[in-house]
Protein backbone atom coordinates (compact mmCIF):
# COMPACT_ATOMS: atom_id res chain seq x y z
CA MET A 1 -16.85 -4.55 -93.21
CA LYS A 2 -13.81 -4.77 -95.44
CA SER A 3 -11.65 -6.07 -92.56
CA LEU A 4 -14.27 -8.73 -91.82
CA ALA A 5 -14.12 -9.91 -95.46
CA ILE A 6 -10.31 -10.06 -95.27
CA PHE A 7 -10.53 -12.08 -92.04
CA PHE A 8 -12.90 -14.64 -93.57
CA THR A 9 -10.80 -14.88 -96.74
CA LEU A 10 -7.63 -15.55 -94.74
CA SER A 11 -9.48 -18.07 -92.58
CA LEU A 12 -10.71 -19.92 -95.67
CA VAL A 13 -7.20 -20.00 -97.13
CA LEU A 14 -5.83 -21.37 -93.86
CA VAL A 15 -8.48 -24.09 -93.73
CA LEU A 16 -7.73 -25.09 -97.32
CA ILE A 17 -4.00 -25.27 -96.62
CA ILE A 18 -4.54 -27.45 -93.57
CA SER A 19 -6.97 -29.75 -95.38
CA THR A 20 -4.55 -30.37 -98.27
CA VAL A 21 -1.86 -31.86 -96.01
CA THR A 22 -1.33 -35.50 -96.98
CA GLY A 23 -2.00 -38.37 -94.61
CA GLU A 24 1.69 -39.28 -94.37
CA GLY A 25 2.07 -37.36 -91.14
CA GLU A 26 -0.79 -39.27 -89.59
CA ILE A 27 0.73 -42.62 -90.50
CA SER A 28 4.10 -41.74 -89.06
CA LEU A 29 2.42 -40.36 -85.93
CA GLU A 30 0.59 -43.66 -85.46
CA ALA A 31 3.85 -45.54 -85.93
CA ALA A 32 5.51 -43.30 -83.34
CA GLU A 33 2.70 -44.04 -80.87
CA THR A 34 3.11 -47.80 -81.21
CA PRO A 35 4.68 -49.00 -77.96
CA ARG A 36 8.14 -50.51 -78.18
CA GLU A 37 8.56 -54.01 -76.87
CA VAL A 38 10.77 -54.03 -73.79
CA THR A 39 13.61 -56.50 -74.19
CA TRP A 40 16.70 -57.51 -72.21
CA ASP A 41 18.78 -54.70 -73.74
CA THR A 42 16.16 -51.91 -73.58
CA PRO A 43 17.80 -48.97 -71.78
CA CYS A 44 16.11 -47.61 -68.70
CA ILE A 45 15.29 -43.99 -67.84
CA ASP A 46 16.25 -42.30 -64.56
CA LEU A 47 13.75 -40.57 -62.26
CA GLY A 48 12.69 -37.17 -63.56
CA GLN A 49 13.77 -37.93 -67.12
CA THR A 50 11.37 -37.91 -70.07
CA CYS A 51 9.61 -41.20 -70.82
CA VAL A 52 7.04 -42.36 -73.37
CA LYS A 53 3.49 -42.76 -72.06
CA GLY A 54 1.87 -45.93 -73.29
CA GLU A 55 5.07 -47.93 -73.24
CA SER A 56 5.84 -50.36 -70.47
CA ASP A 57 6.80 -48.95 -67.06
CA CYS A 58 9.89 -51.17 -67.42
CA GLN A 59 11.40 -48.18 -69.23
CA CYS A 60 11.81 -46.44 -65.82
CA CYS A 61 14.93 -47.51 -63.86
CA ARG A 62 13.48 -48.36 -60.45
CA ASP A 63 11.21 -51.06 -59.09
CA ASN A 64 8.69 -48.49 -57.97
CA ALA A 65 8.95 -45.90 -60.79
CA VAL A 66 6.25 -45.34 -63.42
CA CYS A 67 5.91 -43.13 -66.47
CA SER A 68 3.47 -40.39 -65.50
CA CYS A 69 2.26 -37.41 -67.53
CA SER A 70 1.26 -33.93 -66.43
CA TRP A 71 -2.52 -33.59 -66.33
CA LEU A 72 -2.23 -30.30 -68.20
CA PHE A 73 0.37 -31.24 -70.82
CA ARG A 74 -0.15 -34.89 -71.75
CA SER A 75 3.01 -34.83 -73.83
CA HIS A 76 5.23 -34.04 -70.81
CA CYS A 77 5.83 -37.44 -69.23
CA THR A 78 8.56 -38.31 -66.72
CA CYS A 79 9.55 -41.32 -64.61
CA GLN A 80 8.18 -40.75 -61.09
CA VAL A 81 7.67 -42.53 -57.78
CA PHE A 82 4.40 -42.16 -55.89
CA ASP A 83 3.32 -43.09 -52.33
CA ALA A 84 4.41 -46.30 -50.58
CA ARG A 85 1.28 -48.30 -51.44
CA ALA A 86 1.42 -47.40 -55.15
CA SER A 87 5.17 -48.09 -55.14
CA TYR A 88 4.61 -51.60 -53.77
CA ASP A 89 1.94 -52.37 -56.39
CA THR A 90 4.20 -51.02 -59.14
CA CYS A 91 7.08 -53.16 -57.89
CA LEU A 92 4.91 -56.29 -58.02
CA ILE A 93 4.03 -55.49 -61.64
CA LYS A 94 7.65 -54.78 -62.61
CA VAL A 95 9.15 -57.91 -60.99
CA ASN A 96 9.45 -59.67 -64.34
CA CYS A 97 10.73 -56.76 -66.46
CA PRO A 98 13.24 -58.19 -68.95
CA ASN A 99 15.59 -55.21 -68.54
CA ARG A 100 15.54 -55.33 -64.72
CA HIS A 101 19.33 -55.85 -64.58
CA LYS A 102 19.73 -52.33 -66.07
CA TRP A 103 18.64 -50.69 -62.82
CA ASP A 104 21.00 -52.75 -60.61
CA ARG A 105 18.28 -54.73 -58.92
CA GLY A 106 18.87 -58.45 -59.16
CA SER A 107 16.42 -59.38 -56.41
CA LYS A 108 12.86 -60.14 -57.46
CA THR A 109 11.36 -59.11 -54.12
CA CYS A 110 9.35 -56.05 -53.23
CA PRO A 111 9.56 -54.55 -49.73
CA LYS A 112 6.05 -54.36 -48.30
CA PRO A 113 5.06 -50.86 -47.15
CA CYS A 114 4.71 -50.43 -43.41
CA GLU A 115 1.37 -48.76 -42.78
CA SER A 116 0.89 -49.45 -39.07
CA LYS A 117 1.46 -46.77 -36.44
CA HIS A 118 4.52 -48.41 -34.82
CA CYS A 119 6.36 -48.45 -38.18
CA ARG A 120 5.90 -44.74 -38.76
CA GLY A 121 7.18 -43.76 -35.33
CA LYS A 122 3.81 -42.64 -33.95
């Protein structure tokens, strides 16, 4: 019974400590979550490198790369490439990225995926 009382007392103290934290952390967290505007000089991120979810996919260095997060750990996001169809759609979206010159791709064309049997060697 005494250990139960100690447990509840410690729990109450912990709750009080957490509740007295000022709102400054929340404000700075909101500011950190505000997406950056992608400009001509925004650096790009290589495949497999950490990216910021919620920002433009222009942050990833390839026409067909997107910022994707792990379904288990939403904070672990990396630039990735998916299947051919998704890559084509992503490329169409990223054609007008202002920092496109950063990933050495001057052309504003997207190669269409070949989905017929003769293209895949079958």
